[in-house]
Amino acid sequence: MFTDDLHPNDEKRRDYLVKMLTAGALTLTPLGIVQAAWWGSTPEKLPDDKSIFSLEGNVQINGLKADLTTRVRTGDVISTGKNSEAVFAVGSDSFIMRSNSEVEIEGTDFFIDTLRLLTGSLLSVFGERSANQPLNVKTVTATIGIRGTGIYMEAEPDLTYLCTCYGTVAMSSALDPNDTQVITATHHDAPKYLSNRPIRGTHVRPAPFKNHTDAELKLLEAIVGREVPFGIESELYSGERREY
């Protein structure tokens, strides 16, 4: 089973926000100010010549240490070490990579058609895809077809965690392509585990909500010039507080 892999700075930020929420401060604070306190800057659309919004710790692209000027393109392999995090965008898609994670990006220039989460944790938002421009996200145990949506994933050799934060995905077992479910969610409605061992004829089973927040999704949409498709200004973190 997965264990939380949130780096210490992330835990401190979350503790700070929960304390503010308990005190009622967040209901009086504009979300942009809260996000600036969380990430150190107010999120806005990245310039066309920039890929990375923020980095912490050891982040490498194709084996070389990344900095804020590094471009991320299809064909790249991005990895994070212990106590590390990367927030970046490729075309109309954006990502938060947690610690100890590795992702391969495939496609043309800055248009992703396949994303492979080899290990670790990844929060993603994707721009709209047409029927003839599919996007597949893959782990060892799962293949997820994407149109335009937000998802959070954790990948281990024998288990994948998937939360469809909003939008529609077609999720199938990598071991049995006929074992497929279509999930449509508006707000973290149906998290799932996909295991390498079937139970009662399916590799898919229900899972809890965990390890990601609405504010992070709002950040990811902001750096590619969009908004989340639900309102969180008045009830910040109401969906996530059950985890803390």
Protein backbone atom coordinates (compact mmCIF):
# COMPACT_ATOMS: atom_id res chain seq x y z
CA MET A 1 0.00 0.00 0.00
CA PHE A 2 1.17 3.53 -0.63
CA THR A 3 2.75 5.61 2.08
CA ASP A 4 2.64 9.40 2.05
CA ASP A 5 5.76 10.84 0.41
CA LEU A 6 5.28 14.53 1.10
CA HIS A 7 8.52 16.38 1.67
CA PRO A 8 9.02 18.33 4.92
CA ASN A 9 8.47 21.77 3.37
CA ASP A 10 5.17 20.58 1.91
CA GLU A 11 4.06 19.23 5.28
CA LYS A 12 4.95 22.54 6.95
CA ARG A 13 2.95 24.49 4.36
CA ARG A 14 -0.04 22.20 4.80
CA ASP A 15 0.15 22.50 8.58
CA TYR A 16 0.22 26.28 8.23
CA LEU A 17 -2.84 26.33 5.98
CA VAL A 18 -4.78 23.95 8.22
CA LYS A 19 -4.04 26.19 11.23
CA MET A 20 -5.27 29.21 9.26
CA LEU A 21 -8.38 27.32 8.25
CA THR A 22 -9.07 26.28 11.83
CA ALA A 23 -8.73 29.90 12.89
CA GLY A 24 -11.09 31.03 10.14
CA ALA A 25 -8.43 33.20 8.51
CA LEU A 26 -8.70 31.70 5.04
CA THR A 27 -12.31 32.77 4.62
CA LEU A 28 -11.08 36.38 4.80
CA THR A 29 -7.94 35.98 2.67
CA PRO A 30 -7.88 36.22 -1.14
CA LEU A 31 -6.78 32.93 -2.66
CA GLY A 32 -3.89 34.55 -4.56
CA ILE A 33 -2.34 35.68 -1.27
CA VAL A 34 -2.74 32.19 0.19
CA GLN A 35 -1.10 30.61 -2.86
CA ALA A 36 1.76 33.11 -2.75
CA ALA A 37 2.38 32.11 0.87
CA TRP A 38 2.29 28.44 -0.17
CA TRP A 39 4.64 28.56 -3.20
CA GLY A 40 6.47 31.84 -2.71
CA SER A 41 4.88 33.59 -5.70
CA THR A 42 1.42 34.25 -7.08
CA PRO A 43 0.66 31.76 -9.85
CA GLU A 44 0.03 33.15 -13.31
CA LYS A 45 0.40 31.90 -16.86
CA LEU A 46 3.99 30.99 -17.63
CA PRO A 47 5.65 32.87 -20.50
CA ASP A 48 5.90 30.89 -23.72
CA ASP A 49 9.66 30.49 -23.29
CA LYS A 50 9.42 29.14 -19.75
CA SER A 51 8.53 25.63 -18.51
CA ILE A 52 9.26 25.56 -14.78
CA PHE A 53 7.24 27.47 -12.17
CA SER A 54 9.14 26.21 -9.11
CA LEU A 55 11.75 23.67 -8.03
CA GLU A 56 12.79 22.27 -4.68
CA GLY A 57 15.60 19.86 -3.92
CA ASN A 58 17.14 17.57 -6.53
CA VAL A 59 15.27 17.75 -9.84
CA GLN A 60 16.88 16.32 -12.98
CA ILE A 61 15.88 16.35 -16.64
CA ASN A 62 17.57 13.73 -18.79
CA GLY A 63 20.08 13.18 -15.98
CA LEU A 64 21.09 16.85 -15.68
CA LYS A 65 20.17 19.09 -12.75
CA ALA A 66 17.34 21.44 -13.68
CA ASP A 67 16.90 25.10 -12.78
CA LEU A 68 14.17 27.68 -13.40
CA THR A 69 15.48 28.36 -16.92
CA THR A 70 15.39 24.71 -18.04
CA ARG A 71 12.88 23.91 -20.79
CA VAL A 72 10.79 20.73 -20.56
CA ARG A 73 9.87 19.10 -23.87
CA THR A 74 8.46 15.86 -25.16
CA GLY A 75 11.19 13.24 -25.20
CA ASP A 76 12.41 14.29 -21.75
CA VAL A 77 12.71 12.18 -18.61
CA ILE A 78 12.10 14.14 -15.40
CA SER A 79 13.09 12.79 -12.00
CA THR A 80 12.96 14.08 -8.43
CA GLY A 81 15.02 12.96 -5.46
CA LYS A 82 14.22 12.80 -1.77
CA ASN A 83 12.53 15.92 -0.35
CA SER A 84 12.17 17.36 -3.85
CA GLU A 85 9.38 18.80 -5.99
CA ALA A 86 8.94 20.22 -9.50
CA VAL A 87 6.05 22.35 -10.80
CA PHE A 88 6.20 22.69 -14.58
CA ALA A 89 4.21 22.91 -17.81
CA VAL A 90 4.52 21.37 -21.26
CA GLY A 91 2.24 23.06 -23.80
CA SER A 92 -1.31 23.12 -22.39
CA ASP A 93 -0.54 20.53 -19.69
CA SER A 94 0.99 21.15 -16.25
CA PHE A 95 2.30 19.04 -13.40
CA ILE A 96 3.42 18.83 -9.79
CA MET A 97 5.93 16.01 -9.28
CA ARG A 98 6.42 14.85 -5.71
CA SER A 99 9.60 13.40 -4.20
CA ASN A 100 11.21 10.22 -5.55
CA SER A 101 9.30 10.28 -8.83
CA GLU A 102 10.20 9.66 -12.47
CA VAL A 103 8.19 10.59 -15.57
CA GLU A 104 8.81 10.05 -19.28
CA ILE A 105 7.11 12.42 -21.75
CA GLU A 106 6.41 11.39 -25.34
CA GLY A 107 4.98 13.43 -28.20
CA THR A 108 5.96 16.14 -30.67
CA ASP A 109 7.62 19.40 -29.60
CA PHE A 110 5.40 20.59 -26.71
CA PHE A 111 2.35 18.41 -27.45
CA ILE A 112 2.18 15.34 -25.22
CA ASP A 113 0.56 12.15 -26.51
CA THR A 114 1.93 9.70 -23.92
CA LEU A 115 3.00 10.22 -20.32
CA ARG A 116 4.66 7.40 -18.38
CA LEU A 117 4.74 7.64 -14.59
CA LEU A 118 7.47 5.10 -13.85
CA THR A 119 7.42 5.63 -10.11
CA GLY A 120 6.29 8.13 -7.51
CA SER A 121 3.48 10.71 -7.45
CA LEU A 122 2.16 13.21 -10.00
CA LEU A 123 -0.66 15.76 -10.02
CA SER A 124 -1.62 16.81 -13.56
CA VAL A 125 -4.05 18.98 -15.46
CA PHE A 126 -4.47 18.50 -19.20
CA GLY A 127 -5.77 20.72 -21.97
CA GLU A 128 -8.65 19.54 -24.14
CA ARG A 129 -7.89 16.76 -26.63
CA SER A 130 -9.87 15.95 -29.74
CA ALA A 131 -10.93 12.42 -30.64
CA ASN A 132 -8.07 12.14 -33.13
CA GLN A 133 -5.46 13.49 -30.69
CA PRO A 134 -5.68 11.12 -27.71
CA LEU A 135 -3.44 11.31 -24.66
CA ASN A 136 -2.55 8.21 -22.68
CA VAL A 137 -1.07 8.18 -19.19
CA LYS A 138 0.62 4.91 -18.28
CA THR A 139 2.01 3.14 -15.23
CA VAL A 140 3.10 -0.47 -14.77
CA THR A 141 -0.44 -1.52 -13.87
CA ALA A 142 -2.67 1.04 -15.64
CA THR A 143 -3.43 2.89 -18.85
CA ILE A 144 -5.57 6.02 -18.60
CA GLY A 145 -7.08 7.73 -21.64
CA ILE A 146 -7.35 11.50 -21.22
CA ARG A 147 -9.35 14.17 -23.05
CA GLY A 148 -9.16 17.26 -20.78
CA THR A 149 -9.12 16.72 -17.07
CA GLY A 150 -7.23 16.84 -13.79
CA ILE A 151 -5.81 13.69 -12.20
CA TYR A 152 -3.59 12.68 -9.31
CA MET A 153 -1.59 9.44 -9.53
CA GLU A 154 0.79 7.39 -7.40
CA ALA A 155 2.70 4.52 -9.03
CA GLU A 156 4.33 1.48 -7.47
CA PRO A 157 5.42 -1.72 -9.22
CA ASP A 158 2.24 -3.59 -8.29
CA LEU A 159 -0.30 -0.83 -7.65
CA THR A 160 -1.52 2.47 -9.11
CA TYR A 161 -3.59 5.07 -7.29
CA LEU A 162 -5.75 7.32 -9.48
CA CYS A 163 -8.00 10.19 -8.47
CA THR A 164 -9.95 11.76 -11.32
CA CYS A 165 -10.22 15.24 -9.83
CA TYR A 166 -12.53 16.44 -12.61
CA GLY A 167 -13.31 15.44 -16.17
CA THR A 168 -13.57 12.02 -17.79
CA VAL A 169 -10.97 9.27 -18.09
CA ALA A 170 -11.06 5.76 -19.55
CA MET A 171 -9.04 3.61 -17.16
CA SER A 172 -7.92 0.06 -17.94
CA SER A 173 -5.61 -2.52 -16.44
CA ALA A 174 -2.26 -2.82 -18.19
CA LEU A 175 -2.49 -6.57 -17.59
CA ASP A 176 -6.02 -6.94 -18.99
CA PRO A 177 -7.10 -4.25 -21.50
CA ASN A 178 -10.67 -5.57 -21.34
CA ASP A 179 -10.81 -4.65 -17.63
CA THR A 180 -11.86 -1.04 -18.26
CA GLN A 181 -13.86 1.63 -16.43
CA VAL A 182 -14.91 5.08 -17.64
CA ILE A 183 -14.88 7.58 -14.79
CA THR A 184 -16.54 11.00 -14.94
CA ALA A 185 -15.91 13.22 -11.92
CA THR A 186 -16.64 16.79 -10.94
CA HIS A 187 -14.70 16.95 -7.63
CA HIS A 188 -12.63 13.89 -6.64
CA ASP A 189 -15.70 11.67 -6.84
CA ALA A 190 -14.26 8.22 -7.52
CA PRO A 191 -10.62 7.52 -6.57
CA LYS A 192 -9.42 4.05 -7.58
CA TYR A 193 -6.63 1.55 -7.06
CA LEU A 194 -5.46 -0.58 -10.00
CA SER A 195 -3.62 -3.66 -8.79
CA ASN A 196 -1.60 -6.29 -10.60
CA ARG A 197 -3.82 -8.93 -8.94
CA PRO A 198 -7.54 -9.15 -9.77
CA ILE A 199 -10.17 -9.41 -7.06
CA ARG A 200 -13.54 -10.86 -8.07
CA GLY A 201 -12.63 -10.54 -11.74
CA THR A 202 -11.33 -6.95 -11.78
CA HIS A 203 -8.01 -5.21 -11.10
CA VAL A 204 -9.85 -2.02 -10.08
CA ARG A 205 -11.13 -1.26 -6.59
CA PRO A 206 -12.28 1.82 -4.66
CA ALA A 207 -9.70 4.00 -2.94
CA PRO A 208 -9.74 6.95 -0.50
CA PHE A 209 -9.06 10.56 -1.40
CA LYS A 210 -5.48 11.51 -0.40
CA ASN A 211 -2.35 13.59 -0.88
CA HIS A 212 -3.49 16.45 -3.15
CA THR A 213 -5.47 19.68 -2.81
CA ASP A 214 -7.75 21.98 -4.76
CA ALA A 215 -5.24 24.82 -4.33
CA GLU A 216 -2.61 22.76 -6.13
CA LEU A 217 -5.03 22.11 -8.99
CA LYS A 218 -5.80 25.83 -9.17
CA LEU A 219 -2.07 26.55 -9.37
CA LEU A 220 -1.61 24.10 -12.23
CA GLU A 221 -4.51 25.53 -14.21
CA ALA A 222 -3.26 29.08 -13.56
CA ILE A 223 0.21 28.49 -15.00
CA VAL A 224 -1.35 27.34 -18.30
CA GLY A 225 -3.91 30.19 -18.31
CA ARG A 226 -7.05 28.37 -17.14
CA GLU A 227 -9.30 28.04 -14.09
CA VAL A 228 -10.43 24.95 -12.22
CA PRO A 229 -14.00 23.98 -13.16
CA PHE A 230 -15.29 24.30 -9.60
CA GLY A 231 -15.37 27.12 -7.06
CA ILE A 232 -13.03 26.91 -4.09
CA GLU A 233 -12.84 30.52 -2.94
CA SER A 234 -15.47 30.23 -0.24
CA GLU A 235 -14.70 26.72 0.99
CA LEU A 236 -10.96 26.39 0.55
CA TYR A 237 -9.72 22.84 1.23
CA SER A 238 -13.18 21.61 2.27
CA GLY A 239 -12.65 18.44 0.26
CA GLU A 240 -9.17 17.81 1.55
CA ARG A 241 -9.50 18.43 5.28
CA ARG A 242 -10.68 14.86 5.85
CA GLU A 243 -7.08 13.79 5.18
CA TYR A 244 -5.48 15.95 7.90
